[in-house]
Amino acid sequence: MRALCNRRIRRRLAPLLLLALGLRGEAGQPTTHPTYDVVIYGGTSAAVTAAVQARAMNRSVILVSPDQHLGGLSSGGLGWTDSGNKAVIGGLSRQFYHRIWQHYQKPETWRWQKREEYGNRGQGTAAIDGAARTMWIFEPHVAEAVFDAWVQEQGIPVVREARLDRERGVRREGPRLVSLTTLDGATFRGRMFIDATYEGDLLAAAGVSYHVGREAGAVYGETWNGVQVGVLHHGHWFKQPVDPYVVPGDPASGLLPRISAEPPGQKGEGDRRVQAYCFRMCLTKVAANRLPFPQPAGYDPRQYELLLRVLATGWRETFQKFDPIPNAKTDVNNHGPFSTDNIGYNYDYPEASYARRAEIVAEHRLYQQGLMYFLANDPRVPADVRDDMSQWGLARDEFSDNDHWPHQLYIREARRMVGRFVMTEHELLGRRPTPEPVGMGSYTIDSHNVQRYVTPEGHVQNEGDIGVPLKAPYAIAYGALVPKVGECANLLVPVCVSSSHIAYGSIRMEPVFMILGQSAATAAVLALESGQTVQEVPYEKLRARLLADGQVLRHPR
């Protein structure tokens, strides 16, 4: 074929040849693959938009996903989109929400609820924007169907459950990546590479600089980075004194489970701690679609003793983040001092082995399933809470291949590249301009709790939950998507972007990841066309193409 076809024809035929030969993940892994213009590692929403954009620019592309399901959190339970200012969401990201809107225009999609019963509920603004033909809140299986249809329409080969060999699977020739190899021995050669994972495994294996945890505030001159002892934002802290000891008032009796004995650190200090993870559960009260919360294997009611003490103070906000999504379901998020966030149990996840990560995921699942079972069944739970919780259950028509439990843990933060430009709170809060914008964010600067500790007064408290509102949307720099000059010449990173911990608290939203995935793929193709490194891509040329493809690079005023 190579002797008969010119380069452009090869680029267009490569995905179709793979489909014809059965070389997709579903049909087994080959030993080697053709050389692609763009190799994307990841199964997130950013990975999909990057792949779609590369195909739109007539380049051969393959999506190598460590996961079975495409879409990451967007198809893994986060249907209550953290969208911020929707006016700055453009390009393929906006097209995704348009496709969601198209789906819910069909009467037959409203199986468990009439459309007029759902209404138009959203976060401050409408969930369904009829004039713009977009919909921002959706069921998990609908999102996954959109992502799957997108790659199928474009003829993009997808290899699923293909994990990078992180020790020996990255080959370089000088400053350039040449190939990546997965644990099953399959090798994917490329001219450009995109790491679109939540963890940043490819960038780390390629030798690119990165950071895990919170930088000290002094590193970038930030107010909200580092340890934030004494800062009480949102409502996810202990508002009434709660005793942390097994025997109240007796430190010698030991601490209750899920409280750290370590000192929290001084305000503004850096640490290696990571904000808490959870699963975004999809629940329902509809009897025909509801499965009662199961008692998980290994269930230990002692893990929730602290919650009993919180409830004993009169706290009753258990259901305040049961956000409604279509068909009488919910996207459930953490809320309050003791909730679905599994605080302190994820610190080693970003750099852990696959086996250790699997243990962490399993522990999070056990904790959260046990929490729901406890609230619905334990007789010590106040009757009003227990009776209400027992009406809820897992949605039978979601996550059917995973016992109706979300397939994606909410990795709110893992590795963050230290690239050519580092986004900080200064750019987000408008204190200084952002150079070479390739997309915009607008969500509140938001970090979930990082630790749970004992105060000097002998009470339990959470630390790390930060919510800083923005005055306006902000631009995200192209330099935050590329490594430092000299580290890697053909790698772009749209998810684990170059950002401080606190700035990442806003950037880390799914619409932004889709925006940056598209921008990363655009830059990759332009670098190929010009024969330049990703650091050398002419910004004006990149900007022109992004605008032509519907990206929003400045706040419409």
Protein backbone atom coordinates (compact mmCIF):
# COMPACT_ATOMS: atom_id res chain seq x y z
CA MET A 1 0.00 0.00 0.00
CA ARG A 2 2.81 2.37 0.86
CA ALA A 3 4.33 1.96 -2.60
CA LEU A 4 1.04 2.82 -4.27
CA CYS A 5 -0.26 5.69 -2.18
CA ASN A 6 0.99 9.12 -1.44
CA ARG A 7 1.21 10.42 2.13
CA ARG A 8 -2.22 12.03 2.20
CA ILE A 9 -4.00 8.91 0.95
CA ARG A 10 -2.16 6.82 3.56
CA ARG A 11 -3.32 9.16 6.29
CA ARG A 12 -6.95 8.86 5.20
CA LEU A 13 -6.90 5.09 4.72
CA ALA A 14 -5.02 4.06 7.85
CA PRO A 15 -8.04 4.05 10.19
CA LEU A 16 -10.19 2.26 7.62
CA LEU A 17 -7.53 -0.38 7.05
CA LEU A 18 -7.36 -1.02 10.77
CA LEU A 19 -11.10 -1.42 10.91
CA ALA A 20 -11.07 -3.82 7.99
CA LEU A 21 -8.28 -5.91 9.50
CA GLY A 22 -9.94 -6.02 12.89
CA LEU A 23 -7.05 -4.29 14.63
CA ARG A 24 -9.18 -2.52 17.20
CA GLY A 25 -9.12 -3.24 20.89
CA GLU A 26 -12.28 -5.35 20.71
CA ALA A 27 -10.59 -7.77 18.29
CA GLY A 28 -7.34 -8.29 20.18
CA GLN A 29 -4.03 -6.53 20.22
CA PRO A 30 -1.53 -6.80 17.37
CA THR A 31 2.20 -6.76 18.02
CA THR A 32 2.80 -3.64 15.95
CA HIS A 33 0.72 -0.92 14.35
CA PRO A 34 1.35 1.41 11.44
CA THR A 35 3.00 4.73 12.14
CA TYR A 36 0.36 7.34 12.88
CA ASP A 37 0.53 11.07 12.57
CA VAL A 38 -0.97 11.39 16.05
CA VAL A 39 -1.04 8.78 18.82
CA ILE A 40 -3.37 9.67 21.69
CA TYR A 41 -2.99 7.87 25.00
CA GLY A 42 -6.08 8.10 27.18
CA GLY A 43 -9.82 7.46 27.16
CA THR A 44 -11.01 10.75 28.62
CA SER A 45 -13.27 13.32 27.01
CA ALA A 46 -10.12 15.22 26.00
CA ALA A 47 -8.77 12.13 24.27
CA VAL A 48 -11.92 11.88 22.14
CA THR A 49 -11.98 15.53 21.08
CA ALA A 50 -8.27 15.38 20.28
CA ALA A 51 -8.83 12.36 18.07
CA VAL A 52 -11.82 13.92 16.32
CA GLN A 53 -9.88 17.12 15.66
CA ALA A 54 -6.87 15.27 14.23
CA ARG A 55 -9.16 13.43 11.82
CA ALA A 56 -10.89 16.68 10.88
CA MET A 57 -7.48 17.97 9.84
CA ASN A 58 -6.98 14.90 7.63
CA ARG A 59 -4.37 13.19 9.76
CA SER A 60 -4.12 9.54 10.75
CA VAL A 61 -4.79 9.05 14.44
CA ILE A 62 -5.24 6.21 16.89
CA LEU A 63 -6.76 6.38 20.35
CA VAL A 64 -5.03 4.04 22.80
CA SER A 65 -7.22 3.90 25.90
CA PRO A 66 -6.21 2.29 29.19
CA ASP A 67 -9.94 2.09 29.94
CA GLN A 68 -12.77 0.07 28.45
CA HIS A 69 -15.16 3.03 28.35
CA LEU A 70 -14.59 6.32 26.57
CA GLY A 71 -15.35 9.69 28.12
CA GLY A 72 -13.77 9.51 31.56
CA LEU A 73 -15.87 11.36 34.12
CA SER A 74 -18.18 12.80 31.48
CA SER A 75 -19.52 9.28 30.89
CA GLY A 76 -18.62 8.04 34.37
CA GLY A 77 -21.28 9.78 36.43
CA LEU A 78 -20.49 13.48 36.20
CA GLY A 79 -23.64 14.43 34.35
CA TRP A 80 -24.19 17.64 36.34
CA THR A 81 -21.64 19.55 34.27
CA ASP A 82 -19.37 22.01 36.06
CA SER A 83 -19.70 24.41 33.18
CA GLY A 84 -19.17 27.88 34.62
CA ASN A 85 -19.77 30.53 31.97
CA LYS A 86 -21.11 28.59 28.98
CA ALA A 87 -20.33 31.44 26.58
CA VAL A 88 -16.63 30.52 26.65
CA ILE A 89 -17.22 26.85 25.78
CA GLY A 90 -16.74 26.47 22.05
CA GLY A 91 -15.52 24.10 19.37
CA LEU A 92 -15.91 20.35 19.81
CA SER A 93 -16.69 20.79 23.49
CA ARG A 94 -19.82 22.74 22.61
CA GLN A 95 -20.59 20.21 19.87
CA PHE A 96 -20.62 17.48 22.51
CA TYR A 97 -23.30 19.32 24.48
CA HIS A 98 -25.20 19.94 21.25
CA ARG A 99 -25.24 16.19 20.63
CA ILE A 100 -26.55 15.68 24.15
CA TRP A 101 -29.32 18.18 23.34
CA GLN A 102 -30.17 16.29 20.15
CA HIS A 103 -30.53 13.06 22.07
CA TYR A 104 -33.01 14.50 24.55
CA GLN A 105 -35.13 15.99 21.79
CA LYS A 106 -36.39 12.45 21.10
CA PRO A 107 -39.54 11.66 23.11
CA GLU A 108 -38.53 8.00 23.49
CA THR A 109 -35.43 8.99 25.49
CA TRP A 110 -37.61 10.09 28.40
CA ARG A 111 -38.24 6.60 29.74
CA TRP A 112 -38.53 7.13 33.50
CA GLN A 113 -39.73 10.70 33.59
CA LYS A 114 -41.67 13.05 31.38
CA ARG A 115 -39.61 15.86 29.95
CA GLU A 116 -41.91 18.46 31.50
CA GLU A 117 -41.45 16.79 34.89
CA TYR A 118 -37.70 17.26 34.64
CA GLY A 119 -38.21 20.86 33.62
CA ASN A 120 -35.04 22.81 32.98
CA ARG A 121 -33.04 22.55 36.16
CA GLY A 122 -29.41 23.56 36.21
CA GLN A 123 -26.70 25.41 38.06
CA GLY A 124 -27.90 28.98 38.08
CA THR A 125 -28.68 28.81 34.36
CA ALA A 126 -30.78 26.45 32.32
CA ALA A 127 -29.72 22.84 31.85
CA ILE A 128 -31.33 22.95 28.41
CA ASP A 129 -30.45 25.97 26.31
CA GLY A 130 -32.94 25.75 23.51
CA ALA A 131 -31.75 28.83 21.65
CA ALA A 132 -28.17 27.55 21.57
CA ARG A 133 -29.31 23.94 21.05
CA THR A 134 -27.16 22.65 23.89
CA MET A 135 -27.87 20.58 26.99
CA TRP A 136 -25.47 20.52 29.92
CA ILE A 137 -26.91 17.86 32.22
CA PHE A 138 -27.31 14.24 31.14
CA GLU A 139 -27.26 10.54 32.01
CA PRO A 140 -23.93 8.67 31.95
CA HIS A 141 -24.88 6.16 29.26
CA VAL A 142 -26.01 8.97 26.96
CA ALA A 143 -22.62 10.66 27.19
CA GLU A 144 -20.80 7.41 26.47
CA ALA A 145 -23.00 6.79 23.43
CA VAL A 146 -22.09 10.26 22.09
CA PHE A 147 -18.37 9.62 22.50
CA ASP A 148 -18.59 6.17 20.91
CA ALA A 149 -20.62 7.47 17.98
CA TRP A 150 -18.15 10.29 17.42
CA VAL A 151 -15.14 8.05 16.97
CA GLN A 152 -17.12 5.58 14.87
CA GLU A 153 -18.37 8.28 12.53
CA GLN A 154 -14.81 9.49 11.99
CA GLY A 155 -13.39 5.99 11.49
CA ILE A 156 -10.99 6.47 14.38
CA PRO A 157 -9.41 3.21 15.55
CA VAL A 158 -9.74 2.73 19.30
CA VAL A 159 -7.73 0.21 21.29
CA ARG A 160 -9.32 -0.31 24.68
CA GLU A 161 -7.91 -1.60 27.96
CA ALA A 162 -4.40 -0.98 26.66
CA ARG A 163 -2.17 0.21 29.50
CA LEU A 164 1.17 1.81 28.89
CA ASP A 165 4.22 -0.15 29.98
CA ARG A 166 5.39 2.66 32.23
CA GLU A 167 8.87 1.21 32.83
CA ARG A 168 9.94 0.12 29.34
CA GLY A 169 7.15 1.20 27.01
CA VAL A 170 8.31 4.63 25.85
CA ARG A 171 10.96 4.88 23.15
CA ARG A 172 12.66 8.15 22.30
CA GLU A 173 15.10 9.23 19.64
CA GLY A 174 16.75 12.33 20.99
CA PRO A 175 14.11 14.87 22.00
CA ARG A 176 11.26 13.06 20.22
CA LEU A 177 8.97 10.22 21.22
CA VAL A 178 8.96 7.44 18.63
CA SER A 179 6.57 4.86 20.08
CA LEU A 180 4.69 3.67 23.10
CA THR A 181 4.20 0.03 24.03
CA THR A 182 1.41 -1.34 26.19
CA LEU A 183 1.66 -4.12 28.75
CA ASP A 184 0.43 -6.71 26.26
CA GLY A 185 3.33 -5.92 23.94
CA ALA A 186 1.45 -3.87 21.35
CA THR A 187 3.56 -1.00 19.98
CA PHE A 188 2.11 2.24 18.62
CA ARG A 189 4.45 4.40 16.57
CA GLY A 190 3.70 8.05 15.97
CA ARG A 191 4.99 11.38 14.82
CA MET A 192 3.09 13.31 17.47
CA PHE A 193 1.80 12.13 20.85
CA ILE A 194 -0.90 13.42 23.21
CA ASP A 195 -1.17 12.35 26.84
CA ALA A 196 -4.88 12.74 27.58
CA THR A 197 -5.00 10.68 30.79
CA TYR A 198 -6.04 11.93 34.21
CA GLU A 199 -2.83 10.51 35.67
CA GLY A 200 -0.17 11.79 33.23
CA ASP A 201 1.48 8.39 32.83
CA LEU A 202 2.86 9.04 29.35
CA LEU A 203 4.37 12.40 30.20
CA ALA A 204 6.06 10.91 33.26
CA ALA A 205 7.41 7.91 31.36
CA ALA A 206 8.72 10.29 28.69
CA GLY A 207 10.81 12.13 31.28
CA VAL A 208 8.79 15.34 31.30
CA SER A 209 8.82 17.44 34.47
CA TYR A 210 5.74 17.25 36.69
CA HIS A 211 4.52 17.94 40.21
CA VAL A 212 2.27 16.01 42.61
CA GLY A 213 0.56 17.66 45.57
CA ARG A 214 0.35 21.25 46.68
CA GLU A 215 3.14 23.71 46.05
CA ALA A 216 4.00 26.09 48.86
CA GLY A 217 2.30 29.43 48.38
CA ALA A 218 5.70 31.07 48.00
CA VAL A 219 6.60 29.03 44.90
CA TYR A 220 4.37 31.11 42.61
CA GLY A 221 3.46 33.86 45.06
CA GLU A 222 -0.06 32.49 45.52
CA THR A 223 -2.53 33.06 48.34
CA TRP A 224 -4.59 29.88 48.03
CA ASN A 225 -1.92 27.24 47.40
CA GLY A 226 -0.33 25.05 50.04
CA VAL A 227 -1.84 24.03 53.36
CA GLN A 228 -4.91 26.12 54.23
CA VAL A 229 -5.43 25.45 57.94
CA GLY A 230 -8.09 27.77 59.31
CA VAL A 231 -9.62 28.55 55.91
CA LEU A 232 -13.27 27.49 55.83
CA HIS A 233 -14.85 27.77 52.40
CA HIS A 234 -17.95 26.02 51.06
CA GLY A 235 -19.65 23.93 53.74
CA HIS A 236 -17.51 20.83 53.80
CA TRP A 237 -16.11 21.22 57.31
CA PHE A 238 -17.16 20.46 60.88
CA LYS A 239 -19.31 23.41 61.90
CA GLN A 240 -19.91 22.06 65.40
CA PRO A 241 -17.25 20.60 67.71
CA VAL A 242 -16.94 16.87 67.17
CA ASP A 243 -14.77 14.62 69.34
CA PRO A 244 -12.29 12.53 67.30
CA TYR A 245 -11.51 9.82 69.85
CA VAL A 246 -12.90 6.31 70.15
CA VAL A 247 -13.82 7.06 73.74
CA PRO A 248 -14.91 10.71 73.71
CA GLY A 249 -12.47 12.90 75.58
CA ASP A 250 -9.83 10.16 75.90
CA PRO A 251 -6.88 10.54 73.50
CA ALA A 252 -5.43 7.29 74.83
CA SER A 253 -8.36 5.39 73.30
CA GLY A 254 -7.12 6.26 69.81
CA LEU A 255 -8.71 8.08 66.92
CA LEU A 256 -11.86 7.08 65.13
CA PRO A 257 -11.33 5.69 61.60
CA ARG A 258 -10.66 8.14 58.78
CA ILE A 259 -8.94 10.76 60.94
CA SER A 260 -5.22 11.35 60.54
CA ALA A 261 -2.90 11.53 63.52
CA GLU A 262 -0.40 13.55 61.48
CA PRO A 263 -0.09 17.30 62.07
CA PRO A 264 -1.71 19.26 59.23
CA GLY A 265 1.24 21.57 58.59
CA GLN A 266 1.52 25.32 58.63
CA LYS A 267 -0.59 27.59 56.45
CA GLY A 268 1.01 28.08 53.05
CA GLU A 269 3.38 25.11 53.31
CA GLY A 270 3.63 22.72 50.39
CA ASP A 271 2.99 18.99 50.74
CA ARG A 272 2.48 15.84 48.69
CA ARG A 273 -1.15 15.43 49.68
CA VAL A 274 -3.82 15.25 46.97
CA GLN A 275 -7.41 16.48 47.09
CA ALA A 276 -9.95 13.76 47.77
CA TYR A 277 -11.47 11.45 45.15
CA CYS A 278 -14.94 9.94 45.02
CA PHE A 279 -17.36 8.22 42.66
CA ARG A 280 -20.14 10.32 41.12
CA MET A 281 -23.04 7.95 41.73
CA CYS A 282 -26.12 7.74 39.53
CA LEU A 283 -29.08 7.03 41.80
CA THR A 284 -32.85 6.88 41.41
CA LYS A 285 -36.05 6.49 43.41
CA VAL A 286 -38.00 4.97 40.51
CA ALA A 287 -38.92 1.50 41.79
CA ALA A 288 -38.75 -0.20 38.39
CA ASN A 289 -35.22 1.13 37.82
CA ARG A 290 -33.88 1.07 41.38
CA LEU A 291 -31.52 -1.44 42.94
CA PRO A 292 -31.22 -1.19 46.75
CA PHE A 293 -27.76 -0.31 47.99
CA PRO A 294 -25.84 -3.57 48.38
CA GLN A 295 -23.85 -4.45 51.47
CA PRO A 296 -20.35 -4.66 49.99
CA ALA A 297 -17.97 -7.48 50.83
CA GLY A 298 -15.73 -6.26 53.62
CA TYR A 299 -18.32 -3.83 54.97
CA ASP A 300 -17.32 -2.41 58.35
CA PRO A 301 -19.83 -0.08 60.04
CA ARG A 302 -17.07 1.21 62.34
CA GLN A 303 -15.72 3.21 59.39
CA TYR A 304 -18.71 5.53 59.73
CA GLU A 305 -18.70 6.20 63.48
CA LEU A 306 -17.55 9.76 62.82
CA LEU A 307 -20.61 10.36 60.65
CA LEU A 308 -22.86 9.33 63.52
CA ARG A 309 -21.28 12.04 65.65
CA VAL A 310 -21.83 14.59 62.90
CA LEU A 311 -25.50 13.61 62.66
CA ALA A 312 -25.77 13.84 66.43
CA THR A 313 -24.93 17.57 66.20
CA GLY A 314 -28.13 18.05 64.21
CA TRP A 315 -26.46 18.21 60.79
CA ARG A 316 -28.98 17.30 58.08
CA GLU A 317 -27.48 18.13 54.69
CA THR A 318 -27.09 14.54 53.51
CA PHE A 319 -29.06 14.99 50.30
CA GLN A 320 -27.98 18.48 49.24
CA LYS A 321 -25.76 17.25 46.38
CA PHE A 322 -28.22 14.75 44.93
CA ASP A 323 -28.35 16.82 41.76
CA PRO A 324 -31.17 15.91 39.36
CA ILE A 325 -30.34 14.64 35.90
CA PRO A 326 -32.87 13.41 33.29
CA ASN A 327 -35.05 10.37 33.80
CA ALA A 328 -35.46 10.83 37.56
CA LYS A 329 -31.82 10.12 38.34
CA THR A 330 -29.08 11.96 40.16
CA ASP A 331 -25.43 12.85 39.90
CA VAL A 332 -24.36 12.59 43.54
CA ASN A 333 -21.35 14.57 44.70
CA ASN A 334 -19.65 15.11 48.04
CA HIS A 335 -21.31 17.46 50.51
CA GLY A 336 -20.53 18.27 54.12
CA PRO A 337 -17.86 17.24 56.65
CA PHE A 338 -18.23 13.47 56.12
CA SER A 339 -19.56 12.40 52.74
CA THR A 340 -18.53 10.60 49.56
CA ASP A 341 -15.06 12.18 49.39
CA ASN A 342 -12.64 9.58 50.76
CA ILE A 343 -10.29 12.06 52.41
CA GLY A 344 -6.66 11.03 52.83
CA TYR A 345 -6.78 7.67 51.05
CA ASN A 346 -5.38 8.68 47.66
CA TYR A 347 -2.03 10.33 48.27
CA ASP A 348 0.04 7.69 46.49
CA TYR A 349 -2.41 7.17 43.60
CA PRO A 350 -0.80 9.54 41.04
CA GLU A 351 2.52 7.70 40.91
CA ALA A 352 1.40 4.27 42.14
CA SER A 353 1.74 1.03 40.18
CA TYR A 354 -1.32 -0.26 38.35
CA ALA A 355 -1.78 -2.89 41.07
CA ARG A 356 -1.65 -0.30 43.84
CA ARG A 357 -4.03 1.98 41.95
CA ALA A 358 -6.48 -0.91 41.65
CA GLU A 359 -6.31 -1.34 45.43
CA ILE A 360 -7.00 2.37 45.96
CA VAL A 361 -9.96 2.29 43.57
CA ALA A 362 -11.34 -0.80 45.32
CA GLU A 363 -10.94 0.83 48.73
CA HIS A 364 -12.79 3.93 47.50
CA ARG A 365 -15.58 1.76 46.16
CA LEU A 366 -15.85 -0.18 49.42
CA TYR A 367 -15.88 3.06 51.43
CA GLN A 368 -18.57 4.71 49.33
CA GLN A 369 -20.79 1.65 48.87
CA GLY A 370 -20.48 0.99 52.58
CA LEU A 371 -21.41 4.60 53.32
CA MET A 372 -24.62 4.35 51.33
CA TYR A 373 -25.54 0.99 52.85
CA PHE A 374 -24.81 2.37 56.32
CA LEU A 375 -27.01 5.43 55.87
CA ALA A 376 -29.89 3.36 54.49
CA ASN A 377 -29.76 0.48 56.98
CA ASP A 378 -27.87 1.07 60.23
CA PRO A 379 -30.39 1.51 63.07
CA ARG A 380 -28.13 4.09 64.75
CA VAL A 381 -28.63 6.49 61.84
CA PRO A 382 -31.43 8.96 62.68
CA ALA A 383 -34.71 7.65 61.33
CA ASP A 384 -35.38 10.67 59.14
CA VAL A 385 -32.06 10.23 57.32
CA ARG A 386 -32.31 6.44 57.16
CA ASP A 387 -35.86 6.45 55.84
CA ASP A 388 -35.02 8.97 53.13
CA MET A 389 -31.86 7.16 52.06
CA SER A 390 -33.60 3.79 51.85
CA GLN A 391 -35.83 5.21 49.10
CA TRP A 392 -32.77 5.63 46.86
CA GLY A 393 -30.77 3.02 45.01
CA LEU A 394 -28.46 2.45 42.08
CA ALA A 395 -29.93 3.08 38.63
CA ARG A 396 -30.41 -0.31 37.00
CA ASP A 397 -29.89 1.02 33.47
CA GLU A 398 -26.49 2.60 34.15
CA PHE A 399 -23.03 0.96 34.29
CA SER A 400 -24.55 -2.44 33.54
CA ASP A 401 -21.17 -4.13 33.13
CA ASN A 402 -19.92 -2.91 36.53
CA ASP A 403 -22.75 -3.90 38.88
CA HIS A 404 -24.33 -0.49 38.17
CA TRP A 405 -21.46 1.29 39.88
CA PRO A 406 -19.54 4.08 38.05
CA HIS A 407 -16.59 2.74 36.08
CA GLN A 408 -14.49 5.88 36.62
CA LEU A 409 -13.16 7.12 39.93
CA TYR A 410 -13.15 10.92 40.08
CA ILE A 411 -9.42 11.65 39.80
CA ARG A 412 -9.71 15.31 40.66
CA GLU A 413 -5.96 15.81 40.47
CA ALA A 414 -2.91 13.62 39.95
CA ARG A 415 0.31 14.61 38.21
CA ARG A 416 0.50 18.12 36.77
CA MET A 417 3.10 18.87 34.13
CA VAL A 418 5.60 21.65 34.79
CA GLY A 419 5.71 22.95 31.25
CA ARG A 420 6.82 25.92 29.23
CA PHE A 421 4.23 28.07 31.05
CA VAL A 422 2.63 27.41 34.43
CA MET A 423 -0.93 28.58 35.00
CA THR A 424 -1.40 30.06 38.49
CA GLU A 425 -4.08 31.85 40.46
CA HIS A 426 -2.66 35.12 39.14
CA GLU A 427 -3.86 34.40 35.58
CA LEU A 428 -7.19 33.05 36.79
CA LEU A 429 -7.92 36.03 39.00
CA GLY A 430 -6.93 38.55 36.33
CA ARG A 431 -3.84 39.85 38.10
CA ARG A 432 -1.75 39.33 34.97
CA PRO A 433 -2.50 38.43 31.35
CA THR A 434 -2.22 34.95 29.88
CA PRO A 435 0.04 34.63 26.84
CA GLU A 436 -1.05 32.73 23.70
CA PRO A 437 -4.51 31.54 24.79
CA VAL A 438 -5.84 28.28 23.34
CA GLY A 439 -9.05 28.02 25.36
CA MET A 440 -10.86 29.42 28.35
CA GLY A 441 -12.04 28.37 31.79
CA SER A 442 -14.51 30.03 34.09
CA TYR A 443 -15.39 27.73 36.97
CA THR A 444 -14.73 28.75 40.57
CA ILE A 445 -11.24 27.91 41.84
CA ASP A 446 -12.25 24.72 43.62
CA SER A 447 -10.20 22.23 45.62
CA HIS A 448 -11.83 19.52 47.68
CA ASN A 449 -10.55 18.61 51.12
CA VAL A 450 -7.06 17.18 51.35
CA GLN A 451 -6.85 15.92 54.94
CA ARG A 452 -8.84 15.34 58.14
CA TYR A 453 -6.93 16.04 61.34
CA VAL A 454 -7.24 16.86 65.06
CA THR A 455 -7.13 20.52 66.03
CA PRO A 456 -5.15 21.83 69.00
CA GLU A 457 -8.48 22.11 70.82
CA GLY A 458 -9.03 18.36 70.43
CA HIS A 459 -11.73 18.47 67.74
CA VAL A 460 -11.80 16.89 64.29
CA GLN A 461 -11.55 19.19 61.27
CA ASN A 462 -11.08 19.02 57.50
CA GLU A 463 -8.51 21.02 55.54
CA GLY A 464 -7.96 21.91 51.92
CA ASP A 465 -11.45 22.75 50.70
CA ILE A 466 -11.10 26.02 48.79
CA GLY A 467 -13.67 27.97 46.79
CA VAL A 468 -12.50 31.25 45.30
CA PRO A 469 -14.91 32.96 42.86
CA LEU A 470 -13.61 34.46 39.63
CA LYS A 471 -14.35 37.96 38.42
CA ALA A 472 -14.47 36.81 34.80
CA PRO A 473 -13.48 33.87 32.58
CA TYR A 474 -9.76 33.44 32.03
CA ALA A 475 -7.57 32.30 29.16
CA ILE A 476 -5.40 29.17 29.26
CA ALA A 477 -1.93 29.47 27.73
CA TYR A 478 -0.63 27.28 24.93
CA GLY A 479 2.57 26.97 26.94
CA ALA A 480 0.62 25.06 29.60
CA LEU A 481 0.02 22.23 27.09
CA VAL A 482 3.65 21.67 26.06
CA PRO A 483 6.77 20.56 27.95
CA LYS A 484 9.71 22.83 28.58
CA VAL A 485 11.97 23.37 25.59
CA GLY A 486 14.36 20.46 25.36
CA GLU A 487 12.32 17.97 27.39
CA CYS A 488 10.13 16.54 24.62
CA ALA A 489 9.55 17.95 21.15
CA ASN A 490 6.40 16.11 20.07
CA LEU A 491 4.20 15.65 23.15
CA LEU A 492 1.16 17.70 24.19
CA VAL A 493 -0.75 17.40 27.47
CA PRO A 494 -4.36 18.72 27.60
CA VAL A 495 -5.47 17.15 30.92
CA CYS A 496 -2.49 17.11 33.31
CA VAL A 497 -1.73 20.64 32.17
CA SER A 498 1.07 22.79 33.50
CA SER A 499 -0.62 24.44 36.44
CA SER A 500 -0.28 25.07 40.13
CA HIS A 501 -2.48 23.03 42.43
CA ILE A 502 -4.88 25.85 43.12
CA ALA A 503 -5.20 26.99 39.50
CA TYR A 504 -5.89 23.41 38.50
CA GLY A 505 -8.88 23.54 40.84
CA SER A 506 -10.70 25.53 38.16
CA ILE A 507 -9.03 24.22 35.00
CA ARG A 508 -9.88 20.59 35.84
CA MET A 509 -13.45 20.72 34.48
CA GLU A 510 -14.65 18.35 31.77
CA PRO A 511 -15.72 21.06 29.25
CA VAL A 512 -12.24 22.60 29.57
CA PHE A 513 -10.56 19.24 29.02
CA MET A 514 -12.50 18.84 25.78
CA ILE A 515 -11.51 22.34 24.70
CA LEU A 516 -7.85 21.69 25.44
CA GLY A 517 -7.95 18.28 23.75
CA GLN A 518 -9.05 19.94 20.53
CA SER A 519 -6.42 22.66 20.84
CA ALA A 520 -3.67 20.12 21.54
CA ALA A 521 -4.54 18.11 18.44
CA THR A 522 -4.66 21.28 16.33
CA ALA A 523 -1.18 22.24 17.48
CA ALA A 524 0.11 18.71 16.86
CA VAL A 525 -1.06 18.79 13.25
CA LEU A 526 0.34 22.28 12.66
CA ALA A 527 3.69 21.12 14.04
CA LEU A 528 3.64 18.23 11.58
CA GLU A 529 2.81 20.49 8.68
CA SER A 530 5.64 22.88 9.48
CA GLY A 531 8.16 20.30 10.59
CA GLN A 532 8.55 22.08 13.91
CA THR A 533 8.51 21.06 17.54
CA VAL A 534 5.36 21.64 19.55
CA GLN A 535 7.15 24.47 21.33
CA GLU A 536 7.85 26.20 17.99
CA VAL A 537 4.32 26.18 16.54
CA PRO A 538 3.58 29.76 15.34
CA TYR A 539 0.90 31.03 17.67
CA GLU A 540 -0.84 33.25 15.10
CA LYS A 541 -1.31 30.27 12.82
CA LEU A 542 -2.60 28.18 15.71
CA ARG A 543 -4.93 30.94 16.85
CA ALA A 544 -6.38 31.36 13.36
CA ARG A 545 -7.19 27.67 13.07
CA LEU A 546 -8.70 27.49 16.57
CA LEU A 547 -10.99 30.42 15.85
CA ALA A 548 -11.98 28.94 12.49
CA ASP A 549 -12.98 25.76 14.32
CA GLY A 550 -15.17 27.59 16.81
CA GLN A 551 -12.88 27.82 19.82
CA VAL A 552 -13.41 30.79 22.15
CA LEU A 553 -10.18 32.55 23.10
CA ARG A 554 -11.45 35.67 24.82
CA HIS A 555 -14.43 36.48 26.97
CA PRO A 556 -17.30 37.92 24.90
CA ARG A 557 -18.27 41.24 26.49
